[in-house]
C-alpha atoms as a PDB file:
ATOM      1  CA  MET A   1       6.955  21.409   4.062  1.00  0.00           C
ATOM      2  CA  TYR A   2       3.457  20.094   3.097  1.00  0.00           C
ATOM      3  CA  ARG A   3       4.945  17.912   0.405  1.00  0.00           C
ATOM      4  CA  LYS A   4       7.634  16.479   2.830  1.00  0.00           C
ATOM      5  CA  VAL A   5       4.839  15.682   5.361  1.00  0.00           C
ATOM      6  CA  VAL A   6       2.794  13.862   2.838  1.00  0.00           C
ATOM      7  CA  ILE A   7       5.884  11.942   1.848  1.00  0.00           C
ATOM      8  CA  PHE A   8       6.472  10.774   5.514  1.00  0.00           C
ATOM      9  CA  LEU A   9       2.702   9.696   5.861  1.00  0.00           C
ATOM     10  CA  GLN A  10       3.109   7.811   2.534  1.00  0.00           C
ATOM     11  CA  MET A  11       6.231   6.411   3.775  1.00  0.00           C
ATOM     12  CA  ILE A  12       4.715   4.878   7.227  1.00  0.00           C
ATOM     13  CA  LYS A  13       1.296   3.865   5.308  1.00  0.00           C
ATOM     14  CA  PHE A  14      -0.662   6.213   7.532  1.00  0.00           C
ATOM     15  CA  GLU A  15      -3.893   4.602   6.263  1.00  0.00           C
ATOM     16  CA  HIS A  16      -3.005   1.398   7.574  1.00  0.00           C
ATOM     17  CA  THR A  17      -3.213   2.808  11.006  1.00  0.00           C
ATOM     18  CA  VAL A  18      -6.824   1.638  10.751  1.00  0.00           C
ATOM     19  CA  PHE A  19      -5.729  -1.946  11.231  1.00  0.00           C
ATOM     20  CA  ALA A  20      -4.263  -1.547  14.760  1.00  0.00           C
ATOM     21  CA  LEU A  21      -5.795   1.899  16.273  1.00  0.00           C
ATOM     22  CA  PRO A  22      -9.615   0.606  16.642  1.00  0.00           C
ATOM     23  CA  PHE A  23      -8.272  -2.503  18.405  1.00  0.00           C
ATOM     24  CA  ALA A  24      -6.083  -0.213  20.710  1.00  0.00           C
ATOM     25  CA  PHE A  25      -9.330   1.812  21.642  1.00  0.00           C
ATOM     26  CA  ILE A  26     -11.129  -1.612  22.082  1.00  0.00           C
ATOM     27  CA  GLY A  27      -8.435  -2.681  24.660  1.00  0.00           C
ATOM     28  CA  ALA A  28      -8.964   0.498  26.440  1.00  0.00           C
ATOM     29  CA  LEU A  29     -12.762   0.472  26.262  1.00  0.00           C
ATOM     30  CA  LEU A  30     -13.067  -3.299  27.487  1.00  0.00           C
ATOM     31  CA  GLY A  31     -10.338  -2.339  30.197  1.00  0.00           C
ATOM     32  CA  SER A  32     -11.935   0.610  31.668  1.00  0.00           C
ATOM     33  CA  VAL A  33     -15.389  -1.210  31.631  1.00  0.00           C
ATOM     34  CA  ALA A  34     -14.173  -4.367  33.308  1.00  0.00           C
ATOM     35  CA  MET A  35     -12.117  -2.479  35.978  1.00  0.00           C
ATOM     36  CA  GLU A  36     -13.818   0.951  36.503  1.00  0.00           C
ATOM     37  CA  HIS A  37     -17.239   0.041  35.073  1.00  0.00           C
ATOM     38  CA  THR A  38     -17.028   3.384  33.193  1.00  0.00           C
ATOM     39  CA  LEU A  39     -15.780   4.261  29.700  1.00  0.00           C
ATOM     40  CA  PRO A  40     -12.266   5.494  29.516  1.00  0.00           C
ATOM     41  CA  THR A  41     -11.602   9.289  29.856  1.00  0.00           C
ATOM     42  CA  TRP A  42     -10.896  11.580  27.002  1.00  0.00           C
ATOM     43  CA  ALA A  43      -7.297  12.105  28.426  1.00  0.00           C
ATOM     44  CA  GLU A  44      -6.721   8.357  28.499  1.00  0.00           C
ATOM     45  CA  ILE A  45      -7.901   8.120  24.780  1.00  0.00           C
ATOM     46  CA  GLY A  46      -5.720  10.945  24.018  1.00  0.00           C
ATOM     47  CA  TRP A  47      -2.512   9.587  25.163  1.00  0.00           C
ATOM     48  CA  VAL A  48      -3.277   5.989  23.847  1.00  0.00           C
ATOM     49  CA  LEU A  49      -4.005   7.725  20.606  1.00  0.00           C
ATOM     50  CA  LEU A  50      -0.308   9.379  20.778  1.00  0.00           C
ATOM     51  CA  ALA A  51       1.237   6.427  21.956  1.00  0.00           C
ATOM     52  CA  MET A  52       0.084   4.338  18.988  1.00  0.00           C
ATOM     53  CA  PHE A  53       0.804   7.124  16.512  1.00  0.00           C
ATOM     54  CA  GLY A  54       4.485   7.176  17.862  1.00  0.00           C
ATOM     55  CA  ALA A  55       4.812   3.583  18.248  1.00  0.00           C
ATOM     56  CA  ARG A  56       3.531   2.778  14.708  1.00  0.00           C
ATOM     57  CA  SER A  57       5.590   5.527  13.003  1.00  0.00           C
ATOM     58  CA  ALA A  58       8.930   4.511  14.475  1.00  0.00           C
ATOM     59  CA  ALA A  59       8.029   0.734  13.480  1.00  0.00           C
ATOM     60  CA  MET A  60       7.333   1.569  10.022  1.00  0.00           C
ATOM     61  CA  GLY A  61      10.177   4.149   9.796  1.00  0.00           C
ATOM     62  CA  LEU A  62      12.547   1.453  11.021  1.00  0.00           C
ATOM     63  CA  ASN A  63      10.962  -1.023   8.624  1.00  0.00           C
ATOM     64  CA  ARG A  64      11.665   1.261   5.697  1.00  0.00           C
ATOM     65  CA  LEU A  65      15.121   1.930   6.733  1.00  0.00           C
ATOM     66  CA  ILE A  66      16.044  -1.537   7.336  1.00  0.00           C
ATOM     67  CA  ASP A  67      14.573  -2.869   4.079  1.00  0.00           C
ATOM     68  CA  ARG A  68      15.761   0.045   1.867  1.00  0.00           C
ATOM     69  CA  VAL A  69      18.166  -2.153  -0.048  1.00  0.00           C
ATOM     70  CA  SER A  70      15.606  -5.058  -0.873  1.00  0.00           C
ATOM     71  CA  ASP A  71      12.977  -2.466  -1.468  1.00  0.00           C
ATOM     72  CA  ALA A  72      15.024  -0.838  -4.312  1.00  0.00           C
ATOM     73  CA  LYS A  73      15.470  -4.437  -5.748  1.00  0.00           C
ATOM     74  CA  ASN A  74      11.683  -5.201  -5.745  1.00  0.00           C
ATOM     75  CA  PRO A  75       9.578  -3.438  -8.611  1.00  0.00           C
ATOM     76  CA  ARG A  76       6.515  -3.607  -6.010  1.00  0.00           C
ATOM     77  CA  THR A  77       8.484  -1.332  -3.683  1.00  0.00           C
ATOM     78  CA  ALA A  78      11.210   0.575  -5.500  1.00  0.00           C
ATOM     79  CA  GLY A  79       8.966   3.591  -5.500  1.00  0.00           C
ATOM     80  CA  ARG A  80       9.078   3.862  -1.561  1.00  0.00           C
ATOM     81  CA  ALA A  81      10.284   7.162  -0.222  1.00  0.00           C
ATOM     82  CA  ILE A  82      13.841   6.029   0.478  1.00  0.00           C
ATOM     83  CA  PRO A  83      14.817   4.015  -2.554  1.00  0.00           C
ATOM     84  CA  ALA A  84      13.033   6.541  -4.594  1.00  0.00           C
ATOM     85  CA  GLY A  85      15.500   9.257  -3.188  1.00  0.00           C
ATOM     86  CA  LEU A  86      12.454  11.187  -1.740  1.00  0.00           C
ATOM     87  CA  LEU A  87      13.837  10.992   1.815  1.00  0.00           C
ATOM     88  CA  LYS A  88      17.272  11.137   3.185  1.00  0.00           C
ATOM     89  CA  ILE A  89      18.421   8.249   5.512  1.00  0.00           C
ATOM     90  CA  SER A  90      19.420  11.149   7.961  1.00  0.00           C
ATOM     91  CA  GLU A  91      15.596  12.617   7.910  1.00  0.00           C
ATOM     92  CA  VAL A  92      14.049   9.070   8.309  1.00  0.00           C
ATOM     93  CA  ILE A  93      16.477   8.553  11.317  1.00  0.00           C
ATOM     94  CA  VAL A  94      15.426  11.813  12.876  1.00  0.00           C
ATOM     95  CA  PHE A  95      11.792  10.927  12.307  1.00  0.00           C
ATOM     96  CA  ILE A  96      12.139   7.476  14.048  1.00  0.00           C
ATOM     97  CA  ILE A  97      13.840   9.111  17.140  1.00  0.00           C
ATOM     98  CA  ILE A  98      11.022  11.739  17.371  1.00  0.00           C
ATOM     99  CA  SER A  99       8.306   8.844  17.111  1.00  0.00           C
ATOM    100  CA  PHE A 100      10.057   6.891  19.802  1.00  0.00           C
ATOM    101  CA  ALA A 101      10.117  10.028  21.846  1.00  0.00           C
ATOM    102  CA  LEU A 102       6.458  10.671  21.347  1.00  0.00           C
ATOM    103  CA  LEU A 103       5.593   7.006  22.542  1.00  0.00           C
ATOM    104  CA  PHE A 104       7.683   7.369  25.462  1.00  0.00           C
ATOM    105  CA  TRP A 105       6.190  10.678  26.645  1.00  0.00           C
ATOM    106  CA  ALA A 106       2.566   9.298  26.001  1.00  0.00           C
ATOM    107  CA  ALA A 107       3.410   6.133  28.142  1.00  0.00           C
ATOM    108  CA  ALA A 108       4.774   8.162  30.933  1.00  0.00           C
ATOM    109  CA  LYS A 109       1.522  10.143  31.120  1.00  0.00           C
ATOM    110  CA  LEU A 110      -0.459   6.802  31.604  1.00  0.00           C
ATOM    111  CA  ASN A 111       0.577   4.551  34.326  1.00  0.00           C
ATOM    112  CA  PRO A 112       3.855   3.032  35.736  1.00  0.00           C
ATOM    113  CA  LEU A 113       3.149  -0.524  34.103  1.00  0.00           C
ATOM    114  CA  SER A 114       2.907   1.291  30.856  1.00  0.00           C
ATOM    115  CA  MET A 115       6.499   2.561  31.367  1.00  0.00           C
ATOM    116  CA  LYS A 116       7.709  -0.904  32.535  1.00  0.00           C
ATOM    117  CA  LEU A 117       6.238  -2.981  29.477  1.00  0.00           C
ATOM    118  CA  LEU A 118       7.708  -0.165  27.031  1.00  0.00           C
ATOM    119  CA  PRO A 119      11.121  -1.677  26.427  1.00  0.00           C
ATOM    120  CA  ILE A 120       9.355  -5.060  25.217  1.00  0.00           C
ATOM    121  CA  ALA A 121       7.209  -2.872  22.693  1.00  0.00           C
ATOM    122  CA  VAL A 122      10.391  -1.124  21.738  1.00  0.00           C
ATOM    123  CA  VAL A 123      12.507  -4.619  21.216  1.00  0.00           C
ATOM    124  CA  MET A 124       9.457  -5.815  19.315  1.00  0.00           C
ATOM    125  CA  LEU A 125       9.104  -2.920  16.899  1.00  0.00           C
ATOM    126  CA  VAL A 126      12.846  -3.144  16.226  1.00  0.00           C
ATOM    127  CA  LEU A 127      12.873  -7.022  15.811  1.00  0.00           C
ATOM    128  CA  TYR A 128      10.127  -7.379  13.391  1.00  0.00           C
ATOM    129  CA  SER A 129      12.039  -5.805  10.521  1.00  0.00           C
ATOM    130  CA  PHE A 130      14.745  -8.321  10.815  1.00  0.00           C
ATOM    131  CA  THR A 131      12.672 -11.531  11.224  1.00  0.00           C
ATOM    132  CA  LYS A 132      12.242 -12.125   7.272  1.00  0.00           C
ATOM    133  CA  ARG A 133      16.020 -12.542   7.273  1.00  0.00           C
ATOM    134  CA  PHE A 134      16.034 -15.678   9.602  1.00  0.00           C
ATOM    135  CA  THR A 135      12.475 -17.008  10.196  1.00  0.00           C
ATOM    136  CA  TRP A 136       9.526 -17.840   8.147  1.00  0.00           C
ATOM    137  CA  LEU A 137       7.565 -16.962  11.356  1.00  0.00           C
ATOM    138  CA  CYS A 138       7.862 -13.325  10.596  1.00  0.00           C
ATOM    139  CA  HIS A 139       4.018 -13.091  10.031  1.00  0.00           C
ATOM    140  CA  VAL A 140       3.454 -14.260  13.823  1.00  0.00           C
ATOM    141  CA  VAL A 141       6.155 -11.722  15.086  1.00  0.00           C
ATOM    142  CA  LEU A 142       4.120  -9.072  13.162  1.00  0.00           C
ATOM    143  CA  GLY A 143       1.098 -10.157  14.843  1.00  0.00           C
ATOM    144  CA  LEU A 144       2.538 -10.237  18.013  1.00  0.00           C
ATOM    145  CA  THR A 145       3.762  -6.670  17.542  1.00  0.00           C
ATOM    146  CA  ILE A 146       0.764  -5.193  16.332  1.00  0.00           C
ATOM    147  CA  ALA A 147      -1.345  -7.060  18.977  1.00  0.00           C
ATOM    148  CA  LEU A 148       0.565  -4.751  21.374  1.00  0.00           C
ATOM    149  CA  ALA A 149      -1.843  -2.072  20.429  1.00  0.00           C
ATOM    150  CA  PRO A 150      -5.072  -3.565  22.155  1.00  0.00           C
ATOM    151  CA  LEU A 151      -2.865  -4.895  24.894  1.00  0.00           C
ATOM    152  CA  GLY A 152      -1.347  -1.451  25.378  1.00  0.00           C
ATOM    153  CA  GLY A 153      -4.718   0.162  25.255  1.00  0.00           C
ATOM    154  CA  TRP A 154      -5.951  -2.246  28.145  1.00  0.00           C
ATOM    155  CA  VAL A 155      -2.764  -1.636  30.170  1.00  0.00           C
ATOM    156  CA  ALA A 156      -3.190   2.044  29.815  1.00  0.00           C
ATOM    157  CA  VAL A 157      -6.511   2.545  31.575  1.00  0.00           C
ATOM    158  CA  THR A 158      -6.185  -0.498  34.056  1.00  0.00           C
ATOM    159  CA  GLY A 159      -2.448  -0.693  34.922  1.00  0.00           C
ATOM    160  CA  MET A 160      -2.731  -4.352  34.778  1.00  0.00           C
ATOM    161  CA  VAL A 161      -2.813  -7.428  32.718  1.00  0.00           C
ATOM    162  CA  ASN A 162      -5.329 -10.321  32.892  1.00  0.00           C
ATOM    163  CA  ALA A 163      -6.726 -13.195  31.231  1.00  0.00           C
ATOM    164  CA  THR A 164      -9.028 -11.201  29.034  1.00  0.00           C
ATOM    165  CA  ALA A 165      -6.408  -8.752  27.866  1.00  0.00           C
ATOM    166  CA  MET A 166      -4.305 -11.799  26.824  1.00  0.00           C
ATOM    167  CA  VAL A 167      -7.219 -13.467  24.826  1.00  0.00           C
ATOM    168  CA  LEU A 168      -7.552 -10.060  23.156  1.00  0.00           C
ATOM    169  CA  PHE A 169      -3.795 -10.109  22.457  1.00  0.00           C
ATOM    170  CA  ALA A 170      -3.824 -13.559  20.952  1.00  0.00           C
ATOM    171  CA  THR A 171      -6.777 -12.967  19.024  1.00  0.00           C
ATOM    172  CA  ILE A 172      -5.473  -9.926  17.192  1.00  0.00           C
ATOM    173  CA  THR A 173      -2.124 -11.752  16.910  1.00  0.00           C
ATOM    174  CA  PHE A 174      -3.496 -14.342  14.708  1.00  0.00           C
ATOM    175  CA  TRP A 175      -5.765 -11.842  12.806  1.00  0.00           C
ATOM    176  CA  VAL A 176      -2.736  -9.814  11.826  1.00  0.00           C
ATOM    177  CA  ALA A 177      -0.487 -13.170  10.921  1.00  0.00           C
ATOM    178  CA  GLY A 178      -3.503 -14.593   8.826  1.00  0.00           C
ATOM    179  CA  PHE A 179      -3.632 -11.699   6.750  1.00  0.00           C
ATOM    180  CA  ASP A 180       0.153 -10.856   6.445  1.00  0.00           C
ATOM    181  CA  ILE A 181       0.527 -14.372   5.149  1.00  0.00           C
ATOM    182  CA  ILE A 182      -2.091 -13.532   2.371  1.00  0.00           C
ATOM    183  CA  TYR A 183      -0.291 -10.212   1.765  1.00  0.00           C
ATOM    184  CA  SER A 184       3.213 -12.031   1.285  1.00  0.00           C
ATOM    185  CA  CYS A 185       2.004 -14.332  -1.234  1.00  0.00           C
ATOM    186  CA  GLN A 186       2.601 -11.594  -4.014  1.00  0.00           C
ATOM    187  CA  ASP A 187       6.338 -11.386  -3.093  1.00  0.00           C
ATOM    188  CA  VAL A 188       7.061 -15.270  -3.133  1.00  0.00           C
ATOM    189  CA  GLU A 189       9.463 -15.107  -6.208  1.00  0.00           C
ATOM    190  CA  PHE A 190      11.176 -11.870  -5.193  1.00  0.00           C
ATOM    191  CA  ASP A 191      11.517 -13.229  -1.471  1.00  0.00           C
ATOM    192  CA  THR A 192      12.939 -16.636  -2.838  1.00  0.00           C
ATOM    193  CA  LYS A 193      15.567 -14.981  -5.072  1.00  0.00           C
ATOM    194  CA  GLU A 194      16.771 -12.695  -2.421  1.00  0.00           C
ATOM    195  CA  GLY A 195      16.764 -15.470   0.386  1.00  0.00           C
ATOM    196  CA  LEU A 196      14.094 -13.958   2.332  1.00  0.00           C
ATOM    197  CA  LYS A 197      11.921 -16.040   4.588  1.00  0.00           C
ATOM    198  CA  SER A 198       8.137 -16.400   4.863  1.00  0.00           C
ATOM    199  CA  ILE A 199       5.582 -18.924   5.088  1.00  0.00           C
ATOM    200  CA  PRO A 200       4.575 -18.573   1.361  1.00  0.00           C
ATOM    201  CA  VAL A 201       8.350 -19.251   0.710  1.00  0.00           C
ATOM    202  CA  ARG A 202       8.408 -22.109   2.997  1.00  0.00           C
ATOM    203  CA  PHE A 203       5.179 -23.914   2.294  1.00  0.00           C
ATOM    204  CA  GLY A 204       4.106 -22.436  -0.944  1.00  0.00           C
ATOM    205  CA  VAL A 205       0.886 -20.286  -1.830  1.00  0.00           C
ATOM    206  CA  ALA A 206      -1.670 -22.831  -1.757  1.00  0.00           C
ATOM    207  CA  ALA A 207      -0.605 -24.303   1.810  1.00  0.00           C
ATOM    208  CA  SER A 208       0.063 -20.798   2.944  1.00  0.00           C
ATOM    209  CA  LEU A 209      -3.500 -19.494   2.190  1.00  0.00           C
ATOM    210  CA  LYS A 210      -4.819 -22.742   4.339  1.00  0.00           C
ATOM    211  CA  ILE A 211      -2.547 -21.605   7.168  1.00  0.00           C
ATOM    212  CA  ALA A 212      -3.979 -18.206   6.920  1.00  0.00           C
ATOM    213  CA  GLN A 213      -7.296 -19.437   7.183  1.00  0.00           C
ATOM    214  CA  ALA A 214      -6.391 -21.519  10.324  1.00  0.00           C
ATOM    215  CA  PHE A 215      -4.999 -18.526  11.891  1.00  0.00           C
ATOM    216  CA  HIS A 216      -8.297 -16.610  11.133  1.00  0.00           C
ATOM    217  CA  ILE A 217     -10.303 -19.530  12.590  1.00  0.00           C
ATOM    218  CA  ILE A 218      -8.537 -18.992  15.722  1.00  0.00           C
ATOM    219  CA  THR A 219      -9.214 -15.421  15.600  1.00  0.00           C
ATOM    220  CA  ALA A 220     -13.127 -16.168  15.165  1.00  0.00           C
ATOM    221  CA  PHE A 221     -12.984 -18.205  18.293  1.00  0.00           C
ATOM    222  CA  GLY A 222     -11.095 -15.567  19.962  1.00  0.00           C
ATOM    223  CA  PHE A 223     -14.015 -13.121  19.393  1.00  0.00           C
ATOM    224  CA  ILE A 224     -16.225 -15.518  20.995  1.00  0.00           C
ATOM    225  CA  ALA A 225     -14.077 -16.078  23.930  1.00  0.00           C
ATOM    226  CA  LEU A 226     -13.976 -12.114  24.663  1.00  0.00           C
ATOM    227  CA  LEU A 227     -17.673 -12.414  24.475  1.00  0.00           C
ATOM    228  CA  LEU A 228     -17.959 -14.788  27.010  1.00  0.00           C
ATOM    229  CA  MET A 229     -15.334 -13.297  29.362  1.00  0.00           C
ATOM    230  CA  THR A 230     -16.927  -9.881  29.338  1.00  0.00           C
ATOM    231  CA  ASP A 231     -20.278  -8.167  29.618  1.00  0.00           C
ATOM    232  CA  LEU A 232     -20.654  -7.579  25.978  1.00  0.00           C
ATOM    233  CA  GLY A 233     -23.880  -8.368  24.241  1.00  0.00           C
ATOM    234  CA  TRP A 234     -26.135  -8.434  21.186  1.00  0.00           C
ATOM    235  CA  TRP A 235     -24.246  -5.228  19.509  1.00  0.00           C
ATOM    236  CA  TYR A 236     -21.020  -6.671  19.799  1.00  0.00           C
ATOM    237  CA  ILE A 237     -22.502 -10.308  18.506  1.00  0.00           C
ATOM    238  CA  ALA A 238     -23.798  -8.216  15.614  1.00  0.00           C
ATOM    239  CA  GLY A 239     -20.312  -6.789  14.758  1.00  0.00           C
ATOM    240  CA  MET A 240     -18.765 -10.150  15.435  1.00  0.00           C
ATOM    241  CA  ILE A 241     -20.943 -11.820  12.715  1.00  0.00           C
ATOM    242  CA  ILE A 242     -20.329  -9.244  10.369  1.00  0.00           C
ATOM    243  CA  ALA A 243     -16.475  -9.748  11.054  1.00  0.00           C
ATOM    244  CA  TYR A 244     -16.827 -13.350  10.427  1.00  0.00           C
ATOM    245  CA  ILE A 245     -18.365 -12.470   6.944  1.00  0.00           C
ATOM    246  CA  ILE A 246     -15.612 -10.159   6.118  1.00  0.00           C
ATOM    247  CA  LEU A 247     -12.998 -12.865   6.987  1.00  0.00           C
ATOM    248  CA  PHE A 248     -14.861 -15.416   4.981  1.00  0.00           C
ATOM    249  CA  TYR A 249     -14.987 -13.083   1.875  1.00  0.00           C
ATOM    250  CA  GLU A 250     -11.307 -12.268   2.288  1.00  0.00           C
ATOM    251  CA  HIS A 251     -10.538 -15.994   1.926  1.00  0.00           C
ATOM    252  CA  HIS A 252     -12.998 -16.491  -0.828  1.00  0.00           C
ATOM    253  CA  ILE A 253     -11.678 -13.602  -3.406  1.00  0.00           C
ATOM    254  CA  VAL A 254      -7.948 -15.032  -3.199  1.00  0.00           C
ATOM    255  CA  SER A 255      -6.759 -18.298  -4.500  1.00  0.00           C
ATOM    256  CA  PRO A 256      -3.576 -19.989  -5.386  1.00  0.00           C
ATOM    257  CA  SER A 257      -4.418 -19.444  -9.019  1.00  0.00           C
ATOM    258  CA  ASP A 258      -5.775 -15.841  -8.670  1.00  0.00           C
ATOM    259  CA  LEU A 259      -4.148 -13.330  -6.438  1.00  0.00           C
ATOM    260  CA  SER A 260      -5.414 -10.356  -8.510  1.00  0.00           C
ATOM    261  CA  ARG A 261      -7.807  -9.153  -5.603  1.00  0.00           C
ATOM    262  CA  LEU A 262      -5.163  -9.349  -2.834  1.00  0.00           C
ATOM    263  CA  GLN A 263      -4.935  -5.770  -2.464  1.00  0.00           C
ATOM    264  CA  THR A 264      -8.602  -5.692  -1.617  1.00  0.00           C
ATOM    265  CA  ALA A 265      -8.493  -8.735   0.668  1.00  0.00           C
ATOM    266  CA  PHE A 266      -5.572  -7.180   2.643  1.00  0.00           C
ATOM    267  CA  PHE A 267      -6.297  -3.396   3.042  1.00  0.00           C
ATOM    268  CA  MET A 268     -10.059  -2.912   2.409  1.00  0.00           C
ATOM    269  CA  MET A 269     -11.578  -6.074   3.922  1.00  0.00           C
ATOM    270  CA  ASN A 270      -9.310  -5.854   7.203  1.00  0.00           C
ATOM    271  CA  GLY A 271      -9.721  -2.163   7.559  1.00  0.00           C
ATOM    272  CA  VAL A 272     -13.374  -2.389   7.449  1.00  0.00           C
ATOM    273  CA  LEU A 273     -13.396  -5.470  10.092  1.00  0.00           C
ATOM    274  CA  SER A 274     -11.154  -3.469  12.220  1.00  0.00           C
ATOM    275  CA  ILE A 275     -13.809  -0.595  12.381  1.00  0.00           C
ATOM    276  CA  VAL A 276     -16.749  -2.620  12.390  1.00  0.00           C
ATOM    277  CA  VAL A 277     -15.785  -4.503  15.513  1.00  0.00           C
ATOM    278  CA  PHE A 278     -14.551  -1.383  17.123  1.00  0.00           C
ATOM    279  CA  LEU A 279     -17.993   0.498  16.324  1.00  0.00           C
ATOM    280  CA  PHE A 280     -20.057  -2.404  17.354  1.00  0.00           C
ATOM    281  CA  THR A 281     -18.177  -2.603  20.645  1.00  0.00           C
ATOM    282  CA  LEU A 282     -18.206   0.683  21.421  1.00  0.00           C
ATOM    283  CA  ILE A 283     -22.125   0.911  20.715  1.00  0.00           C
ATOM    284  CA  ASP A 284     -22.760  -2.125  23.002  1.00  0.00           C
ATOM    285  CA  LEU A 285     -20.539  -0.523  25.878  1.00  0.00           C
ATOM    286  CA  VAL A 286     -22.339   2.824  25.488  1.00  0.00           C
ATOM    287  CA  VAL A 287     -25.713   1.285  25.547  1.00  0.00           C
ATOM    288  CA  ARG A 288     -24.927  -0.784  28.448  1.00  0.00           C
ATOM    289  CA  GLN A 289     -23.281   2.406  30.487  1.00  0.00           C
ATOM    290  CA  TYR A 290     -26.200   4.903  29.621  1.00  0.00           C
END
């Protein structure tokens, strides 16, 4: 049983939760302080955490299930659980159903708007896994899907959506789309051969890295917009500056002629950015509250 659990966690890349979860908490923090002038309750945080785990597990399970044929052909992904025979298709389907059930349960415990918006989240979670088959904008769709995490965190504690929530949503959308473009550069040859679509396939690696830079410049302006639209102060500014340095370094270590440090740029840098922005936002709000 322990081994099976480990395989499932490896299948959904549990460690990549670090990308979205901190921003889901940021959405909850900013929303609660903006509307209630207080920090979220532990119960709200707990339900947001369960909703996030359910949504992400379902999405990754679907992705691995839908991509199992192409994963088996790609040397980089052939070792994944399904093509490697470590998990049966029926087991993954049951896992997806349980994950969606967890998401529905958590959303129902939050507020009516969370339930009303839930179908949109489900559609996006399912749609993303098919997008590489028909559009090179798949990275933007992924960004829109993962950015539902901070938007969901906001809705969870406020029961509404406003301009600040949408700026946060757009900021994370372009951040995720940008680093996903960088990540997909390593699969250009395979994707081209298999007829899969992506920005690197459509425009080439060099142009794609510039597009990723442009997306992350939009992200940088998004962080500034959040500062101007909220009561965030110097602690948040310090975290924002660190985030800018991380984004700059991420693009500095990757070039069209050298993708050897792409994994560092993708996982380590973006994971650190997410945690840094969350921690400095939390400190800023706690200091202001107490």
